[in-house]
N, C-alpha and C. Protein backbone atom coordinates (compact mmCIF):
# COMPACT_ATOMS: atom_id res chain seq x y z
N MET A 1 3.92 -75.51 29.25
CA MET A 1 2.74 -74.76 28.85
C MET A 1 1.72 -75.66 28.14
N ILE A 2 2.19 -76.49 27.19
CA ILE A 2 1.28 -77.37 26.47
C ILE A 2 0.68 -78.40 27.42
N TYR A 3 1.47 -78.82 28.42
CA TYR A 3 0.99 -79.77 29.42
C TYR A 3 -0.18 -79.17 30.20
N LYS A 4 -0.05 -77.91 30.59
CA LYS A 4 -1.13 -77.23 31.31
C LYS A 4 -2.38 -77.09 30.44
N ALA A 5 -2.18 -76.78 29.17
CA ALA A 5 -3.32 -76.61 28.26
C ALA A 5 -4.06 -77.94 28.07
N ILE A 6 -3.33 -79.02 27.93
CA ILE A 6 -3.97 -80.33 27.76
C ILE A 6 -4.71 -80.72 29.04
N ASN A 7 -4.06 -80.52 30.19
CA ASN A 7 -4.73 -80.80 31.47
C ASN A 7 -5.99 -79.97 31.63
N ALA A 8 -5.89 -78.68 31.33
CA ALA A 8 -7.04 -77.78 31.47
C ALA A 8 -8.17 -78.22 30.53
N LEU A 9 -7.83 -78.59 29.30
CA LEU A 9 -8.84 -79.01 28.33
C LEU A 9 -9.54 -80.29 28.78
N VAL A 10 -8.78 -81.28 29.18
CA VAL A 10 -9.38 -82.55 29.58
C VAL A 10 -10.22 -82.39 30.85
N PHE A 11 -9.68 -81.70 31.84
CA PHE A 11 -10.43 -81.48 33.07
C PHE A 11 -11.68 -80.63 32.81
N GLY A 12 -11.51 -79.55 32.07
CA GLY A 12 -12.64 -78.67 31.74
C GLY A 12 -13.70 -79.39 30.92
N LEU A 13 -13.27 -80.24 30.01
CA LEU A 13 -14.22 -81.00 29.20
C LEU A 13 -15.09 -81.90 30.07
N ALA A 14 -14.48 -82.55 31.05
CA ALA A 14 -15.26 -83.39 31.97
C ALA A 14 -16.28 -82.54 32.73
N MET A 15 -15.88 -81.36 33.15
CA MET A 15 -16.79 -80.49 33.91
C MET A 15 -17.91 -79.94 33.02
N VAL A 16 -17.58 -79.49 31.82
CA VAL A 16 -18.58 -78.92 30.91
C VAL A 16 -19.55 -79.99 30.44
N LEU A 17 -19.04 -81.16 30.09
CA LEU A 17 -19.92 -82.22 29.59
C LEU A 17 -20.88 -82.72 30.67
N MET A 18 -20.48 -82.61 31.94
CA MET A 18 -21.38 -83.01 33.02
C MET A 18 -22.64 -82.12 33.00
N ILE A 19 -22.45 -80.84 32.91
CA ILE A 19 -23.58 -79.91 32.86
C ILE A 19 -24.37 -80.10 31.56
N ASP A 20 -23.65 -80.24 30.46
CA ASP A 20 -24.26 -80.43 29.15
C ASP A 20 -25.15 -81.68 29.13
N PHE A 21 -24.65 -82.76 29.67
CA PHE A 21 -25.39 -84.01 29.71
C PHE A 21 -26.64 -83.88 30.57
N ILE A 22 -26.52 -83.22 31.70
CA ILE A 22 -27.69 -82.99 32.56
C ILE A 22 -28.76 -82.22 31.80
N LEU A 23 -28.37 -81.17 31.09
CA LEU A 23 -29.34 -80.37 30.33
C LEU A 23 -30.06 -81.22 29.28
N PHE A 24 -29.31 -82.02 28.55
CA PHE A 24 -29.94 -82.81 27.50
C PHE A 24 -30.79 -83.95 28.04
N ILE A 25 -30.48 -84.46 29.22
CA ILE A 25 -31.38 -85.45 29.84
C ILE A 25 -32.69 -84.76 30.22
N GLY A 26 -32.60 -83.55 30.75
CA GLY A 26 -33.81 -82.78 31.05
C GLY A 26 -34.63 -82.52 29.79
N PHE A 27 -33.95 -82.20 28.68
CA PHE A 27 -34.65 -82.00 27.41
C PHE A 27 -35.37 -83.28 27.00
N LYS A 28 -34.71 -84.40 27.14
CA LYS A 28 -35.34 -85.67 26.76
C LYS A 28 -36.57 -85.95 27.62
N LEU A 29 -36.42 -85.78 28.92
CA LEU A 29 -37.53 -86.09 29.83
C LEU A 29 -38.73 -85.17 29.65
N HIS A 30 -38.48 -83.89 29.46
CA HIS A 30 -39.58 -82.92 29.52
C HIS A 30 -39.96 -82.30 28.19
N TYR A 31 -39.29 -82.69 27.12
CA TYR A 31 -39.63 -82.15 25.80
C TYR A 31 -39.80 -83.30 24.80
N PHE A 32 -38.76 -84.06 24.59
CA PHE A 32 -38.83 -85.14 23.61
C PHE A 32 -39.84 -86.22 24.01
N ASP A 33 -39.81 -86.63 25.25
CA ASP A 33 -40.80 -87.62 25.71
C ASP A 33 -42.20 -87.00 25.78
N PHE A 34 -42.30 -85.74 26.17
CA PHE A 34 -43.59 -85.05 26.25
C PHE A 34 -44.29 -85.01 24.89
N TYR A 35 -43.54 -84.68 23.84
CA TYR A 35 -44.11 -84.61 22.49
C TYR A 35 -44.00 -85.92 21.72
N GLU A 36 -43.48 -86.95 22.37
CA GLU A 36 -43.28 -88.26 21.76
C GLU A 36 -42.44 -88.17 20.50
N ILE A 37 -41.37 -87.39 20.58
CA ILE A 37 -40.42 -87.28 19.48
C ILE A 37 -39.46 -88.45 19.60
N LYS A 38 -39.51 -89.32 18.62
CA LYS A 38 -38.74 -90.56 18.65
C LYS A 38 -37.41 -90.37 17.91
N GLU A 39 -36.49 -89.71 18.56
CA GLU A 39 -35.14 -89.56 18.02
C GLU A 39 -34.18 -90.22 19.00
N TYR A 40 -33.15 -90.80 18.45
CA TYR A 40 -32.12 -91.43 19.27
C TYR A 40 -31.39 -90.34 20.05
N PHE A 41 -31.20 -90.54 21.35
CA PHE A 41 -30.64 -89.52 22.23
C PHE A 41 -29.32 -88.96 21.69
N ASN A 42 -28.41 -89.82 21.25
CA ASN A 42 -27.10 -89.34 20.78
C ASN A 42 -27.24 -88.42 19.58
N VAL A 43 -28.24 -88.64 18.74
CA VAL A 43 -28.41 -87.80 17.56
C VAL A 43 -28.75 -86.38 17.97
N TYR A 44 -29.74 -86.19 18.82
CA TYR A 44 -30.07 -84.80 19.18
C TYR A 44 -29.06 -84.21 20.13
N PHE A 45 -28.36 -85.05 20.89
CA PHE A 45 -27.30 -84.54 21.77
C PHE A 45 -26.14 -83.99 20.94
N PHE A 46 -25.71 -84.73 19.93
CA PHE A 46 -24.55 -84.30 19.14
C PHE A 46 -24.91 -83.31 18.04
N ASP A 47 -26.10 -83.40 17.49
CA ASP A 47 -26.46 -82.53 16.37
C ASP A 47 -26.85 -81.12 16.79
N ASN A 48 -27.04 -80.87 18.06
CA ASN A 48 -27.58 -79.58 18.49
C ASN A 48 -26.64 -78.81 19.41
N GLN A 49 -25.34 -78.98 19.20
CA GLN A 49 -24.39 -78.25 20.01
C GLN A 49 -23.21 -77.80 19.15
N SER A 50 -22.59 -76.75 19.59
CA SER A 50 -21.38 -76.26 18.93
C SER A 50 -20.18 -76.81 19.68
N PHE A 51 -19.47 -77.71 19.03
CA PHE A 51 -18.31 -78.31 19.70
C PHE A 51 -17.17 -77.31 19.85
N LEU A 52 -17.14 -76.29 19.01
CA LEU A 52 -16.14 -75.23 19.18
C LEU A 52 -16.37 -74.49 20.50
N ILE A 53 -17.63 -74.20 20.80
CA ILE A 53 -17.96 -73.55 22.07
C ILE A 53 -17.66 -74.46 23.25
N ILE A 54 -17.97 -75.74 23.11
CA ILE A 54 -17.69 -76.69 24.19
C ILE A 54 -16.19 -76.78 24.45
N LEU A 55 -15.39 -76.90 23.40
CA LEU A 55 -13.94 -77.01 23.58
C LEU A 55 -13.35 -75.73 24.15
N THR A 56 -13.81 -74.59 23.66
CA THR A 56 -13.30 -73.31 24.17
C THR A 56 -13.67 -73.11 25.64
N SER A 57 -14.93 -73.36 25.97
CA SER A 57 -15.34 -73.18 27.37
C SER A 57 -14.67 -74.21 28.27
N SER A 58 -14.40 -75.40 27.75
CA SER A 58 -13.70 -76.43 28.53
C SER A 58 -12.28 -75.98 28.85
N LEU A 59 -11.60 -75.44 27.87
CA LEU A 59 -10.23 -74.98 28.08
C LEU A 59 -10.21 -73.84 29.10
N ILE A 60 -11.11 -72.90 28.97
CA ILE A 60 -11.16 -71.76 29.89
C ILE A 60 -11.53 -72.21 31.30
N LEU A 61 -12.59 -73.02 31.40
CA LEU A 61 -13.02 -73.49 32.72
C LEU A 61 -11.94 -74.33 33.39
N GLY A 62 -11.34 -75.23 32.64
CA GLY A 62 -10.27 -76.07 33.19
C GLY A 62 -9.10 -75.24 33.68
N TYR A 63 -8.73 -74.25 32.89
CA TYR A 63 -7.61 -73.39 33.29
C TYR A 63 -7.96 -72.60 34.56
N LEU A 64 -9.16 -72.04 34.60
CA LEU A 64 -9.56 -71.26 35.77
C LEU A 64 -9.64 -72.11 37.03
N MET A 65 -10.11 -73.35 36.89
CA MET A 65 -10.26 -74.20 38.07
C MET A 65 -8.94 -74.83 38.52
N LEU A 66 -8.00 -75.00 37.61
CA LEU A 66 -6.75 -75.67 37.96
C LEU A 66 -5.58 -74.71 38.20
N TYR A 67 -5.50 -73.64 37.41
CA TYR A 67 -4.29 -72.83 37.41
C TYR A 67 -4.48 -71.36 37.76
N SER A 68 -5.69 -70.93 38.02
CA SER A 68 -5.89 -69.52 38.37
C SER A 68 -5.44 -69.28 39.81
N PRO A 69 -5.20 -68.02 40.17
CA PRO A 69 -4.83 -67.72 41.56
C PRO A 69 -6.00 -67.92 42.54
N PHE A 70 -7.20 -68.05 42.04
CA PHE A 70 -8.39 -68.20 42.89
C PHE A 70 -9.20 -69.44 42.50
N PRO A 71 -8.62 -70.62 42.59
CA PRO A 71 -9.35 -71.82 42.13
C PRO A 71 -10.61 -72.10 42.93
N LYS A 72 -10.60 -71.84 44.22
CA LYS A 72 -11.79 -72.11 45.05
C LYS A 72 -12.98 -71.25 44.61
N PHE A 73 -12.70 -70.02 44.22
CA PHE A 73 -13.75 -69.12 43.74
C PHE A 73 -14.42 -69.70 42.49
N PHE A 74 -13.61 -70.13 41.52
CA PHE A 74 -14.16 -70.67 40.27
C PHE A 74 -14.80 -72.04 40.49
N GLN A 75 -14.29 -72.81 41.42
CA GLN A 75 -14.91 -74.09 41.75
C GLN A 75 -16.28 -73.85 42.39
N SER A 76 -16.39 -72.82 43.21
CA SER A 76 -17.68 -72.48 43.83
C SER A 76 -18.69 -72.04 42.78
N ILE A 77 -18.24 -71.24 41.83
CA ILE A 77 -19.14 -70.81 40.75
C ILE A 77 -19.58 -72.02 39.93
N TYR A 78 -18.64 -72.91 39.62
CA TYR A 78 -18.99 -74.11 38.86
C TYR A 78 -20.01 -74.95 39.62
N LEU A 79 -19.80 -75.13 40.91
CA LEU A 79 -20.73 -75.92 41.71
C LEU A 79 -22.12 -75.29 41.71
N ALA A 80 -22.18 -73.98 41.79
CA ALA A 80 -23.48 -73.29 41.75
C ALA A 80 -24.16 -73.50 40.39
N VAL A 81 -23.40 -73.42 39.30
CA VAL A 81 -23.96 -73.64 37.97
C VAL A 81 -24.41 -75.10 37.82
N LEU A 82 -23.61 -76.02 38.33
CA LEU A 82 -23.97 -77.44 38.28
C LEU A 82 -25.28 -77.70 39.04
N LEU A 83 -25.37 -77.16 40.23
CA LEU A 83 -26.61 -77.32 41.01
C LEU A 83 -27.78 -76.63 40.33
N GLY A 84 -27.53 -75.47 39.75
CA GLY A 84 -28.58 -74.76 39.01
C GLY A 84 -29.06 -75.54 37.80
N SER A 85 -28.16 -76.25 37.15
CA SER A 85 -28.55 -77.03 35.97
C SER A 85 -29.50 -78.17 36.34
N LEU A 86 -29.48 -78.59 37.58
CA LEU A 86 -30.38 -79.66 38.03
C LEU A 86 -31.84 -79.22 38.03
N THR A 87 -32.08 -77.91 37.99
CA THR A 87 -33.47 -77.43 37.93
C THR A 87 -34.14 -77.84 36.63
N ILE A 88 -33.36 -78.28 35.65
CA ILE A 88 -33.92 -78.73 34.38
C ILE A 88 -34.79 -79.97 34.57
N PHE A 89 -34.62 -80.66 35.70
CA PHE A 89 -35.43 -81.85 35.97
C PHE A 89 -36.83 -81.51 36.48
N TYR A 90 -37.07 -80.26 36.80
CA TYR A 90 -38.40 -79.78 37.17
C TYR A 90 -39.13 -79.49 35.86
N HIS A 91 -40.26 -80.18 35.62
CA HIS A 91 -40.92 -80.14 34.31
C HIS A 91 -41.14 -78.74 33.73
N PRO A 92 -41.74 -77.79 34.46
CA PRO A 92 -41.97 -76.48 33.83
C PRO A 92 -40.67 -75.81 33.35
N ILE A 93 -39.61 -75.95 34.10
CA ILE A 93 -38.34 -75.34 33.69
C ILE A 93 -37.74 -76.12 32.53
N GLY A 94 -37.69 -77.44 32.63
CA GLY A 94 -37.11 -78.26 31.57
C GLY A 94 -37.83 -78.09 30.25
N HIS A 95 -39.15 -78.05 30.31
CA HIS A 95 -39.95 -77.88 29.08
C HIS A 95 -39.72 -76.50 28.47
N LYS A 96 -39.71 -75.47 29.29
CA LYS A 96 -39.53 -74.10 28.79
C LYS A 96 -38.15 -73.90 28.17
N VAL A 97 -37.12 -74.39 28.84
CA VAL A 97 -35.75 -74.24 28.30
C VAL A 97 -35.62 -75.00 26.98
N ALA A 98 -36.15 -76.22 26.92
CA ALA A 98 -36.09 -77.00 25.68
C ALA A 98 -36.88 -76.32 24.56
N GLN A 99 -38.03 -75.72 24.90
CA GLN A 99 -38.81 -74.98 23.90
C GLN A 99 -37.98 -73.83 23.31
N GLU A 100 -37.30 -73.11 24.18
CA GLU A 100 -36.46 -72.00 23.71
C GLU A 100 -35.34 -72.51 22.80
N PHE A 101 -34.89 -73.69 23.07
CA PHE A 101 -33.77 -74.27 22.35
C PHE A 101 -34.19 -74.85 21.00
N PHE A 102 -35.35 -75.52 20.93
CA PHE A 102 -35.73 -76.28 19.75
C PHE A 102 -36.92 -75.71 18.96
N THR A 103 -37.88 -75.07 19.60
CA THR A 103 -39.13 -74.70 18.96
C THR A 103 -39.00 -73.45 18.09
N LYS A 104 -39.62 -73.53 16.90
CA LYS A 104 -39.74 -72.37 16.02
C LYS A 104 -41.21 -72.27 15.65
N GLU A 105 -41.83 -71.17 16.03
CA GLU A 105 -43.27 -71.03 15.86
C GLU A 105 -43.64 -70.35 14.55
N ASP A 106 -44.87 -70.66 14.11
CA ASP A 106 -45.53 -70.00 12.98
C ASP A 106 -44.71 -70.07 11.69
N LEU A 107 -44.26 -71.28 11.34
CA LEU A 107 -43.53 -71.48 10.10
C LEU A 107 -44.48 -72.00 9.03
N SER A 108 -44.18 -71.72 7.77
CA SER A 108 -44.97 -72.22 6.65
C SER A 108 -44.32 -73.48 6.09
N PHE A 109 -45.16 -74.46 5.80
CA PHE A 109 -44.71 -75.73 5.23
C PHE A 109 -45.51 -76.03 3.98
N THR A 110 -44.89 -76.72 3.03
CA THR A 110 -45.56 -77.15 1.82
C THR A 110 -45.26 -78.62 1.58
N ILE A 111 -46.33 -79.39 1.50
CA ILE A 111 -46.22 -80.81 1.15
C ILE A 111 -47.13 -81.02 -0.05
N GLY A 112 -46.55 -81.39 -1.16
CA GLY A 112 -47.35 -81.51 -2.39
C GLY A 112 -47.92 -80.15 -2.74
N LYS A 113 -49.25 -80.08 -2.80
CA LYS A 113 -49.91 -78.82 -3.12
C LYS A 113 -50.51 -78.15 -1.89
N GLN A 114 -50.32 -78.76 -0.74
CA GLN A 114 -50.91 -78.22 0.48
C GLN A 114 -49.91 -77.34 1.23
N ASN A 115 -50.34 -76.12 1.53
CA ASN A 115 -49.57 -75.19 2.35
C ASN A 115 -50.24 -75.05 3.71
N PHE A 116 -49.44 -74.98 4.75
CA PHE A 116 -50.00 -74.81 6.08
C PHE A 116 -48.95 -74.20 7.00
N LYS A 117 -49.44 -73.65 8.10
CA LYS A 117 -48.56 -73.08 9.13
C LYS A 117 -48.57 -74.03 10.32
N ALA A 118 -47.40 -74.15 10.94
CA ALA A 118 -47.28 -75.03 12.10
C ALA A 118 -46.08 -74.60 12.93
N THR A 119 -45.98 -75.20 14.09
CA THR A 119 -44.84 -74.97 14.97
C THR A 119 -43.86 -76.12 14.79
N LEU A 120 -42.62 -75.79 14.49
CA LEU A 120 -41.57 -76.79 14.37
C LEU A 120 -41.09 -77.14 15.77
N LEU A 121 -41.28 -78.40 16.16
CA LEU A 121 -40.85 -78.84 17.48
C LEU A 121 -39.40 -79.30 17.47
N TYR A 122 -39.02 -80.00 16.40
CA TYR A 122 -37.64 -80.49 16.30
C TYR A 122 -37.34 -80.83 14.85
N GLU A 123 -36.14 -80.48 14.42
CA GLU A 123 -35.67 -80.85 13.09
C GLU A 123 -34.54 -81.84 13.25
N GLY A 124 -34.80 -83.10 12.88
CA GLY A 124 -33.80 -84.15 12.95
C GLY A 124 -33.00 -84.23 11.68
N ARG A 125 -32.24 -85.31 11.54
CA ARG A 125 -31.41 -85.48 10.35
C ARG A 125 -32.25 -85.73 9.11
N ASP A 126 -33.30 -86.54 9.22
CA ASP A 126 -34.11 -86.84 8.05
C ASP A 126 -35.61 -86.64 8.25
N LYS A 127 -36.02 -86.24 9.46
CA LYS A 127 -37.44 -85.98 9.73
C LYS A 127 -37.59 -84.68 10.49
N ILE A 128 -38.76 -84.07 10.34
CA ILE A 128 -39.11 -82.93 11.18
C ILE A 128 -40.36 -83.30 11.97
N TYR A 129 -40.49 -82.69 13.13
CA TYR A 129 -41.63 -82.92 14.00
C TYR A 129 -42.33 -81.58 14.18
N ILE A 130 -43.60 -81.54 13.79
CA ILE A 130 -44.34 -80.29 13.85
C ILE A 130 -45.64 -80.49 14.62
N LYS A 131 -46.19 -79.37 15.07
CA LYS A 131 -47.45 -79.37 15.81
C LYS A 131 -48.33 -78.27 15.21
N ARG A 132 -49.55 -78.67 14.87
CA ARG A 132 -50.54 -77.69 14.40
C ARG A 132 -51.58 -77.52 15.49
N ASP A 133 -52.09 -76.31 15.64
CA ASP A 133 -53.06 -76.01 16.69
C ASP A 133 -54.31 -76.88 16.59
N GLU A 134 -54.76 -77.11 15.37
CA GLU A 134 -56.02 -77.83 15.20
C GLU A 134 -55.86 -79.36 15.22
N ILE A 135 -54.65 -79.85 15.35
CA ILE A 135 -54.39 -81.29 15.39
C ILE A 135 -53.72 -81.62 16.71
N GLU A 136 -54.24 -82.61 17.40
CA GLU A 136 -53.75 -82.93 18.75
C GLU A 136 -52.37 -83.60 18.72
N ARG A 137 -52.14 -84.47 17.78
CA ARG A 137 -50.90 -85.25 17.75
C ARG A 137 -49.77 -84.50 17.04
N VAL A 138 -48.56 -84.90 17.35
CA VAL A 138 -47.38 -84.38 16.66
C VAL A 138 -47.30 -85.03 15.29
N ILE A 139 -46.99 -84.24 14.29
CA ILE A 139 -46.91 -84.73 12.91
C ILE A 139 -45.43 -84.92 12.57
N VAL A 140 -45.11 -86.09 12.02
CA VAL A 140 -43.74 -86.40 11.62
C VAL A 140 -43.70 -86.40 10.10
N ILE A 141 -42.78 -85.62 9.53
CA ILE A 141 -42.68 -85.50 8.08
C ILE A 141 -41.22 -85.75 7.68
N LYS A 142 -41.04 -86.55 6.64
CA LYS A 142 -39.70 -86.74 6.10
C LYS A 142 -39.28 -85.47 5.39
N LYS A 143 -38.04 -85.08 5.58
CA LYS A 143 -37.55 -83.84 4.97
C LYS A 143 -37.66 -83.88 3.45
N GLU A 144 -37.49 -85.03 2.87
CA GLU A 144 -37.55 -85.14 1.41
C GLU A 144 -38.95 -84.86 0.88
N ASP A 145 -39.98 -84.97 1.72
CA ASP A 145 -41.35 -84.70 1.29
C ASP A 145 -41.70 -83.21 1.32
N LEU A 146 -40.88 -82.40 1.96
CA LEU A 146 -41.13 -80.95 2.05
C LEU A 146 -40.60 -80.22 0.84
N LYS A 147 -41.27 -79.11 0.52
CA LYS A 147 -40.78 -78.24 -0.55
C LYS A 147 -40.24 -76.98 0.04
């Protein structure tokens, strides 16, 4: 039993991470590069996911694909999801999905004595990236400077 669980986890992890990696490459191409957010890929890849969900879905997917009575059915579903995830490379889709994932609109910020509203594009480990309607460029602020 433990042998099957380990096999299912390792196999499922390879399958889940393939889709996960494709999604985050699409995010980099169509969101991070678009807004010129200069974050190291591994940081936003690792900081923005629930590893509990990844491990759980890996175990379930691996078990369904390896040990279920209908492995071809689940393999077909996986292949369809994998192919569907490739749509993230189409700019309008990749940008929209990344916006849903990272963007928080109409937030209030305070730096020193200045208060303003802006859209949070990404919150990194030590910097945030925001966009204001009246300013063309993305603004980078150190978290320690915010109140």
